[in-house]
Amino acid sequence: MLLVSVYQSVTLNILYIGELWATENRSMRWFSFCKMEM
């Protein structure tokens, strides 16, 4: 039972970090695109 909860929390953390990283990537791409336009 303990192993399952540990596994779930690790999976959630990975999903959360992946989401943060994707958002960061998107904003960086948008920023460089705006800089290119100017």
PDB file of N, CA and C in Angstrom:
ATOM      1  N   MET A   1       0.839  -1.202   0.000  1.00  0.00           N
ATOM      2  CA  MET A   1       0.000   0.000   0.000  1.00  0.00           C
ATOM      3  C   MET A   1       0.877   1.257   0.000  1.00  0.00           C
ATOM      4  N   LEU A   2       1.911   1.224   0.820  1.00  0.00           N
ATOM      5  CA  LEU A   2       2.804   2.385   0.904  1.00  0.00           C
ATOM      6  C   LEU A   2       3.484   2.623  -0.441  1.00  0.00           C
ATOM      7  N   LEU A   3       3.894   1.530  -1.066  1.00  0.00           N
ATOM      8  CA  LEU A   3       4.581   1.622  -2.352  1.00  0.00           C
ATOM      9  C   LEU A   3       3.700   2.301  -3.396  1.00  0.00           C
ATOM     10  N   VAL A   4       2.408   1.988  -3.349  1.00  0.00           N
ATOM     11  CA  VAL A   4       1.471   2.572  -4.314  1.00  0.00           C
ATOM     12  C   VAL A   4       1.396   4.083  -4.131  1.00  0.00           C
ATOM     13  N   SER A   5       1.316   4.539  -2.884  1.00  0.00           N
ATOM     14  CA  SER A   5       1.203   5.981  -2.643  1.00  0.00           C
ATOM     15  C   SER A   5       2.496   6.698  -3.043  1.00  0.00           C
ATOM     16  N   VAL A   6       3.629   6.065  -2.779  1.00  0.00           N
ATOM     17  CA  VAL A   6       4.911   6.655  -3.181  1.00  0.00           C
ATOM     18  C   VAL A   6       4.958   6.776  -4.699  1.00  0.00           C
ATOM     19  N   TYR A   7       4.552   5.705  -5.375  1.00  0.00           N
ATOM     20  CA  TYR A   7       4.551   5.696  -6.836  1.00  0.00           C
ATOM     21  C   TYR A   7       3.645   6.788  -7.384  1.00  0.00           C
ATOM     22  N   GLN A   8       2.467   6.948  -6.765  1.00  0.00           N
ATOM     23  CA  GLN A   8       1.520   7.971  -7.220  1.00  0.00           C
ATOM     24  C   GLN A   8       2.092   9.373  -7.042  1.00  0.00           C
ATOM     25  N   SER A   9       2.712   9.627  -5.889  1.00  0.00           N
ATOM     26  CA  SER A   9       3.247  10.971  -5.650  1.00  0.00           C
ATOM     27  C   SER A   9       4.396  11.277  -6.608  1.00  0.00           C
ATOM     28  N   VAL A  10       5.226  10.268  -6.889  1.00  0.00           N
ATOM     29  CA  VAL A  10       6.326  10.465  -7.838  1.00  0.00           C
ATOM     30  C   VAL A  10       5.774  10.763  -9.227  1.00  0.00           C
ATOM     31  N   THR A  11       4.753  10.008  -9.630  1.00  0.00           N
ATOM     32  CA  THR A  11       4.145  10.223 -10.944  1.00  0.00           C
ATOM     33  C   THR A  11       3.551  11.621 -11.032  1.00  0.00           C
ATOM     34  N   LEU A  12       2.880  12.045  -9.964  1.00  0.00           N
ATOM     35  CA  LEU A  12       2.279  13.379  -9.942  1.00  0.00           C
ATOM     36  C   LEU A  12       3.360  14.443 -10.055  1.00  0.00           C
ATOM     37  N   ASN A  13       4.462  14.256  -9.335  1.00  0.00           N
ATOM     38  CA  ASN A  13       5.562  15.219  -9.396  1.00  0.00           C
ATOM     39  C   ASN A  13       6.128  15.316 -10.803  1.00  0.00           C
ATOM     40  N   ILE A  14       6.302  14.176 -11.451  1.00  0.00           N
ATOM     41  CA  ILE A  14       6.839  14.165 -12.819  1.00  0.00           C
ATOM     42  C   ILE A  14       5.893  14.892 -13.767  1.00  0.00           C
ATOM     43  N   LEU A  15       4.588  14.631 -13.613  1.00  0.00           N
ATOM     44  CA  LEU A  15       3.603  15.300 -14.463  1.00  0.00           C
ATOM     45  C   LEU A  15       3.647  16.804 -14.233  1.00  0.00           C
ATOM     46  N   TYR A  16       3.732  17.204 -12.955  1.00  0.00           N
ATOM     47  CA  TYR A  16       3.745  18.620 -12.592  1.00  0.00           C
ATOM     48  C   TYR A  16       4.977  19.316 -13.167  1.00  0.00           C
ATOM     49  N   ILE A  17       6.132  18.686 -12.997  1.00  0.00           N
ATOM     50  CA  ILE A  17       7.377  19.266 -13.517  1.00  0.00           C
ATOM     51  C   ILE A  17       7.335  19.338 -15.042  1.00  0.00           C
ATOM     52  N   GLY A  18       6.800  18.289 -15.667  1.00  0.00           N
ATOM     53  CA  GLY A  18       6.679  18.292 -17.121  1.00  0.00           C
ATOM     54  C   GLY A  18       5.797  19.431 -17.601  1.00  0.00           C
ATOM     55  N   GLU A  19       4.711  19.665 -16.870  1.00  0.00           N
ATOM     56  CA  GLU A  19       3.793  20.747 -17.220  1.00  0.00           C
ATOM     57  C   GLU A  19       4.490  22.096 -17.080  1.00  0.00           C
ATOM     58  N   LEU A  20       5.220  22.280 -15.979  1.00  0.00           N
ATOM     59  CA  LEU A  20       5.964  23.527 -15.764  1.00  0.00           C
ATOM     60  C   LEU A  20       6.968  23.744 -16.887  1.00  0.00           C
ATOM     61  N   TRP A  21       7.698  22.676 -17.226  1.00  0.00           N
ATOM     62  CA  TRP A  21       8.727  22.768 -18.258  1.00  0.00           C
ATOM     63  C   TRP A  21       8.122  23.119 -19.608  1.00  0.00           C
ATOM     64  N   ALA A  22       6.962  22.517 -19.918  1.00  0.00           N
ATOM     65  CA  ALA A  22       6.301  22.798 -21.194  1.00  0.00           C
ATOM     66  C   ALA A  22       5.860  24.259 -21.250  1.00  0.00           C
ATOM     67  N   THR A  23       5.321  24.763 -20.133  1.00  0.00           N
ATOM     68  CA  THR A  23       4.871  26.157 -20.081  1.00  0.00           C
ATOM     69  C   THR A  23       6.062  27.098 -20.245  1.00  0.00           C
ATOM     70  N   GLU A  24       7.157  26.778 -19.562  1.00  0.00           N
ATOM     71  CA  GLU A  24       8.376  27.581 -19.642  1.00  0.00           C
ATOM     72  C   GLU A  24       8.882  27.616 -21.082  1.00  0.00           C
ATOM     73  N   ASN A  25       8.905  26.461 -21.716  1.00  0.00           N
ATOM     74  CA  ASN A  25       9.352  26.359 -23.109  1.00  0.00           C
ATOM     75  C   ASN A  25       8.497  27.219 -24.026  1.00  0.00           C
ATOM     76  N   ARG A  26       7.185  27.159 -23.826  1.00  0.00           N
ATOM     77  CA  ARG A  26       6.265  27.899 -24.680  1.00  0.00           C
ATOM     78  C   ARG A  26       6.507  29.400 -24.531  1.00  0.00           C
ATOM     79  N   SER A  27       6.639  29.864 -23.297  1.00  0.00           N
ATOM     80  CA  SER A  27       6.830  31.301 -23.087  1.00  0.00           C
ATOM     81  C   SER A  27       8.179  31.751 -23.647  1.00  0.00           C
ATOM     82  N   MET A  28       9.208  30.905 -23.525  1.00  0.00           N
ATOM     83  CA  MET A  28      10.509  31.262 -24.082  1.00  0.00           C
ATOM     84  C   MET A  28      10.432  31.371 -25.601  1.00  0.00           C
ATOM     85  N   ARG A  29       9.740  30.431 -26.236  1.00  0.00           N
ATOM     86  CA  ARG A  29       9.600  30.459 -27.692  1.00  0.00           C
ATOM     87  C   ARG A  29       8.850  31.716 -28.113  1.00  0.00           C
ATOM     88  N   TRP A  30       7.780  32.036 -27.372  1.00  0.00           N
ATOM     89  CA  TRP A  30       6.972  33.213 -27.671  1.00  0.00           C
ATOM     90  C   TRP A  30       7.819  34.469 -27.534  1.00  0.00           C
ATOM     91  N   PHE A  31       8.645  34.515 -26.481  1.00  0.00           N
ATOM     92  CA  PHE A  31       9.497  35.668 -26.216  1.00  0.00           C
ATOM     93  C   PHE A  31      10.506  35.865 -27.346  1.00  0.00           C
ATOM     94  N   SER A  32      11.151  34.783 -27.771  1.00  0.00           N
ATOM     95  CA  SER A  32      12.144  34.904 -28.849  1.00  0.00           C
ATOM     96  C   SER A  32      11.459  35.283 -30.159  1.00  0.00           C
ATOM     97  N   PHE A  33      10.245  34.803 -30.359  1.00  0.00           N
ATOM     98  CA  PHE A  33       9.494  35.157 -31.564  1.00  0.00           C
ATOM     99  C   PHE A  33       9.195  36.656 -31.572  1.00  0.00           C
ATOM    100  N   CYS A  34       8.773  37.187 -30.422  1.00  0.00           N
ATOM    101  CA  CYS A  34       8.479  38.627 -30.324  1.00  0.00           C
ATOM    102  C   CYS A  34       9.752  39.440 -30.554  1.00  0.00           C
ATOM    103  N   LYS A  35      10.868  38.986 -30.010  1.00  0.00           N
ATOM    104  CA  LYS A  35      12.128  39.704 -30.197  1.00  0.00           C
ATOM    105  C   LYS A  35      12.514  39.729 -31.672  1.00  0.00           C
ATOM    106  N   MET A  36      12.289  38.617 -32.365  1.00  0.00           N
ATOM    107  CA  MET A  36      12.611  38.548 -33.791  1.00  0.00           C
ATOM    108  C   MET A  36      11.748  39.532 -34.583  1.00  0.00           C
ATOM    109  N   GLU A  37      10.491  39.642 -34.214  1.00  0.00           N
ATOM    110  CA  GLU A  37       9.570  40.531 -34.923  1.00  0.00           C
ATOM    111  C   GLU A  37       9.981  41.987 -34.761  1.00  0.00           C
ATOM    112  N   MET A  38      10.527  42.327 -33.610  1.00  0.00           N
ATOM    113  CA  MET A  38      10.946  43.711 -33.342  1.00  0.00           C
ATOM    114  C   MET A  38      12.350  43.942 -33.893  1.00  0.00           C
TER     115      MET A  38
END
